[in-house]
Amino acid sequence: MTKLGQWLCGLALLGSAWAALALAPPGLRLPAPFRQALLPLPLYRLATFNDCEEAAVELQEHISAARTDLRRRGLRF
C-alpha cells in the first residue's frame, strides 16, 4: 500500500468516527460540552498543523544549489 493510500485510509477512519459522533445517532446522546468540543475538532487540528521552518530553509538551499549546477551546465530557465 502506498503512503497516500495509508493516509487516505487513516483519514477515512478518523473522519467516519468524527462524523458518527458529530451526527449523534439516536441511541447516543453526548453531553453539550463534549459536543461543542467535538464539532470544531477538525478545524482545530488544521490550525495547529506544524510548520517545518528548518526543512523549508534546507529545501530552498537545495533548490539554489540545483539551479546553480544547472546554470553551470548550460541550462537556462
N, C-alpha and C. Protein backbone atom coordinates (compact mmCIF):
# COMPACT_ATOMS: atom_id res chain seq x y z
N MET A 1 0.85 -1.17 0.00
CA MET A 1 0.00 0.00 0.00
C MET A 1 0.90 1.24 0.00
N THR A 2 0.58 2.19 -0.82
CA THR A 2 1.39 3.40 -0.90
C THR A 2 1.12 4.29 0.31
N LYS A 3 2.00 5.26 0.49
CA LYS A 3 1.84 6.18 1.61
C LYS A 3 0.53 6.97 1.47
N LEU A 4 0.19 7.34 0.23
CA LEU A 4 -1.07 8.05 0.01
C LEU A 4 -2.25 7.18 0.43
N GLY A 5 -2.21 5.91 0.10
CA GLY A 5 -3.28 5.00 0.49
C GLY A 5 -3.41 4.89 2.00
N GLN A 6 -2.27 4.85 2.68
CA GLN A 6 -2.29 4.78 4.14
C GLN A 6 -2.91 6.04 4.74
N TRP A 7 -2.52 7.21 4.21
CA TRP A 7 -3.08 8.47 4.70
C TRP A 7 -4.57 8.54 4.44
N LEU A 8 -4.99 8.11 3.25
CA LEU A 8 -6.42 8.16 2.92
C LEU A 8 -7.23 7.21 3.80
N CYS A 9 -6.69 6.03 4.07
CA CYS A 9 -7.39 5.09 4.96
C CYS A 9 -7.51 5.65 6.37
N GLY A 10 -6.42 6.22 6.87
CA GLY A 10 -6.45 6.81 8.20
C GLY A 10 -7.42 7.98 8.28
N LEU A 11 -7.40 8.81 7.23
CA LEU A 11 -8.32 9.95 7.18
C LEU A 11 -9.77 9.48 7.11
N ALA A 12 -10.03 8.43 6.35
CA ALA A 12 -11.39 7.90 6.25
C ALA A 12 -11.86 7.34 7.60
N LEU A 13 -10.98 6.63 8.29
CA LEU A 13 -11.35 6.08 9.60
C LEU A 13 -11.63 7.19 10.62
N LEU A 14 -10.73 8.15 10.70
CA LEU A 14 -10.94 9.24 11.65
C LEU A 14 -12.15 10.09 11.27
N GLY A 15 -12.32 10.33 9.98
CA GLY A 15 -13.46 11.12 9.53
C GLY A 15 -14.78 10.44 9.81
N SER A 16 -14.81 9.14 9.60
CA SER A 16 -16.06 8.43 9.86
C SER A 16 -16.37 8.36 11.35
N ALA A 17 -15.34 8.22 12.18
CA ALA A 17 -15.55 8.22 13.63
C ALA A 17 -16.05 9.60 14.08
N TRP A 18 -15.43 10.66 13.54
CA TRP A 18 -15.87 12.01 13.89
C TRP A 18 -17.31 12.25 13.45
N ALA A 19 -17.64 11.84 12.23
CA ALA A 19 -18.99 12.04 11.71
C ALA A 19 -20.01 11.25 12.53
N ALA A 20 -19.65 10.04 12.92
CA ALA A 20 -20.58 9.23 13.71
C ALA A 20 -20.88 9.88 15.05
N LEU A 21 -19.87 10.49 15.66
CA LEU A 21 -20.10 11.16 16.94
C LEU A 21 -20.76 12.52 16.75
N ALA A 22 -20.38 13.25 15.71
CA ALA A 22 -20.90 14.59 15.50
C ALA A 22 -22.37 14.57 15.06
N LEU A 23 -22.76 13.54 14.31
CA LEU A 23 -24.14 13.47 13.84
C LEU A 23 -25.08 12.92 14.90
N ALA A 24 -24.53 12.45 16.00
CA ALA A 24 -25.29 11.96 17.15
C ALA A 24 -26.41 10.99 16.74
N PRO A 25 -26.06 9.73 16.52
CA PRO A 25 -27.10 8.75 16.21
C PRO A 25 -28.12 8.68 17.34
N PRO A 26 -29.33 8.23 17.05
CA PRO A 26 -30.42 8.26 18.03
C PRO A 26 -30.09 7.59 19.37
N GLY A 27 -29.31 6.55 19.38
CA GLY A 27 -29.02 5.85 20.63
C GLY A 27 -27.91 6.49 21.45
N LEU A 28 -27.23 7.47 20.89
CA LEU A 28 -26.08 8.08 21.58
C LEU A 28 -26.36 9.56 21.82
N ARG A 29 -26.35 9.96 23.07
CA ARG A 29 -26.55 11.36 23.42
C ARG A 29 -25.31 11.86 24.15
N LEU A 30 -24.54 12.70 23.48
CA LEU A 30 -23.35 13.26 24.11
C LEU A 30 -23.73 14.50 24.92
N PRO A 31 -23.07 14.72 26.04
CA PRO A 31 -23.31 15.95 26.80
C PRO A 31 -22.90 17.17 25.95
N ALA A 32 -23.51 18.29 26.22
CA ALA A 32 -23.28 19.51 25.43
C ALA A 32 -21.81 19.93 25.38
N PRO A 33 -21.06 19.90 26.49
CA PRO A 33 -19.65 20.31 26.40
C PRO A 33 -18.84 19.42 25.46
N PHE A 34 -19.11 18.11 25.46
CA PHE A 34 -18.40 17.21 24.55
C PHE A 34 -18.75 17.51 23.11
N ARG A 35 -20.02 17.76 22.89
CA ARG A 35 -20.48 18.06 21.53
C ARG A 35 -19.89 19.37 21.02
N GLN A 36 -19.81 20.38 21.89
CA GLN A 36 -19.23 21.66 21.49
C GLN A 36 -17.74 21.54 21.20
N ALA A 37 -17.05 20.64 21.88
CA ALA A 37 -15.62 20.43 21.62
C ALA A 37 -15.41 19.55 20.41
N LEU A 38 -16.33 18.68 20.12
CA LEU A 38 -16.19 17.72 19.04
C LEU A 38 -16.39 18.35 17.66
N LEU A 39 -17.35 19.23 17.53
CA LEU A 39 -17.67 19.78 16.22
C LEU A 39 -16.52 20.54 15.57
N PRO A 40 -15.81 21.44 16.27
CA PRO A 40 -14.73 22.16 15.59
C PRO A 40 -13.38 21.42 15.62
N LEU A 41 -13.34 20.19 16.08
CA LEU A 41 -12.08 19.46 16.22
C LEU A 41 -11.27 19.37 14.92
N PRO A 42 -11.86 19.05 13.77
CA PRO A 42 -11.04 19.00 12.55
C PRO A 42 -10.41 20.35 12.19
N LEU A 43 -11.13 21.44 12.41
CA LEU A 43 -10.56 22.76 12.12
C LEU A 43 -9.43 23.08 13.09
N TYR A 44 -9.56 22.68 14.32
CA TYR A 44 -8.50 22.90 15.30
C TYR A 44 -7.25 22.15 14.91
N ARG A 45 -7.42 20.91 14.43
CA ARG A 45 -6.25 20.11 14.02
C ARG A 45 -5.53 20.78 12.85
N LEU A 46 -6.28 21.35 11.93
CA LEU A 46 -5.65 22.03 10.80
C LEU A 46 -4.95 23.31 11.25
N ALA A 47 -5.54 24.01 12.18
CA ALA A 47 -4.96 25.27 12.64
C ALA A 47 -3.66 25.05 13.40
N THR A 48 -3.49 23.90 14.01
CA THR A 48 -2.28 23.63 14.79
C THR A 48 -1.29 22.77 14.03
N PHE A 49 -1.47 22.65 12.71
CA PHE A 49 -0.54 21.87 11.89
C PHE A 49 0.83 22.53 11.93
N ASN A 50 1.86 21.76 12.20
CA ASN A 50 3.21 22.30 12.40
C ASN A 50 3.85 22.72 11.08
N ASP A 51 4.56 23.85 11.12
CA ASP A 51 5.41 24.27 10.02
C ASP A 51 6.81 23.76 10.29
N CYS A 52 7.51 23.41 9.25
CA CYS A 52 8.89 22.93 9.38
C CYS A 52 9.81 23.98 8.79
N GLU A 53 10.13 24.99 9.57
CA GLU A 53 10.95 26.10 9.08
C GLU A 53 12.33 25.62 8.67
N GLU A 54 12.94 24.74 9.46
CA GLU A 54 14.28 24.25 9.13
C GLU A 54 14.27 23.47 7.82
N ALA A 55 13.25 22.67 7.63
CA ALA A 55 13.15 21.88 6.40
C ALA A 55 12.91 22.80 5.20
N ALA A 56 12.15 23.86 5.38
CA ALA A 56 11.90 24.81 4.29
C ALA A 56 13.19 25.50 3.88
N VAL A 57 13.99 25.92 4.86
CA VAL A 57 15.27 26.57 4.56
C VAL A 57 16.20 25.59 3.85
N GLU A 58 16.26 24.37 4.33
CA GLU A 58 17.11 23.35 3.71
C GLU A 58 16.67 23.08 2.28
N LEU A 59 15.38 23.00 2.05
CA LEU A 59 14.86 22.77 0.71
C LEU A 59 15.21 23.93 -0.23
N GLN A 60 15.10 25.16 0.26
CA GLN A 60 15.49 26.33 -0.56
C GLN A 60 16.97 26.30 -0.91
N GLU A 61 17.81 25.86 0.02
CA GLU A 61 19.24 25.73 -0.25
C GLU A 61 19.50 24.68 -1.33
N HIS A 62 18.78 23.56 -1.26
CA HIS A 62 18.93 22.51 -2.27
C HIS A 62 18.49 23.02 -3.64
N ILE A 63 17.41 23.78 -3.67
CA ILE A 63 16.92 24.32 -4.94
C ILE A 63 17.93 25.30 -5.52
N SER A 64 18.50 26.16 -4.69
CA SER A 64 19.51 27.11 -5.16
C SER A 64 20.73 26.38 -5.70
N ALA A 65 21.17 25.35 -4.99
CA ALA A 65 22.33 24.58 -5.44
C ALA A 65 22.04 23.88 -6.77
N ALA A 66 20.84 23.35 -6.92
CA ALA A 66 20.48 22.67 -8.17
C ALA A 66 20.42 23.67 -9.32
N ARG A 67 19.86 24.85 -9.09
CA ARG A 67 19.80 25.87 -10.14
C ARG A 67 21.20 26.32 -10.55
N THR A 68 22.07 26.52 -9.57
CA THR A 68 23.44 26.91 -9.86
C THR A 68 24.13 25.84 -10.69
N ASP A 69 23.95 24.59 -10.33
CA ASP A 69 24.55 23.49 -11.08
C ASP A 69 24.01 23.43 -12.50
N LEU A 70 22.72 23.62 -12.67
CA LEU A 70 22.13 23.57 -14.00
C LEU A 70 22.59 24.76 -14.85
N ARG A 71 22.73 25.94 -14.25
CA ARG A 71 23.25 27.09 -14.99
C ARG A 71 24.68 26.83 -15.44
N ARG A 72 25.47 26.21 -14.56
CA ARG A 72 26.86 25.89 -14.89
C ARG A 72 26.93 24.92 -16.05
N ARG A 73 25.94 24.04 -16.16
CA ARG A 73 25.91 23.06 -17.26
C ARG A 73 25.28 23.61 -18.53
N GLY A 74 24.81 24.86 -18.47
CA GLY A 74 24.32 25.50 -19.67
C GLY A 74 22.81 25.55 -19.82
N LEU A 75 22.06 25.12 -18.84
CA LEU A 75 20.61 25.17 -18.92
C LEU A 75 20.11 26.54 -18.47
N ARG A 76 19.25 27.14 -19.26
CA ARG A 76 18.69 28.44 -18.90
C ARG A 76 17.20 28.29 -18.64
N PHE A 77 16.73 28.91 -17.58
CA PHE A 77 15.30 28.85 -17.25
C PHE A 77 14.84 30.14 -16.68
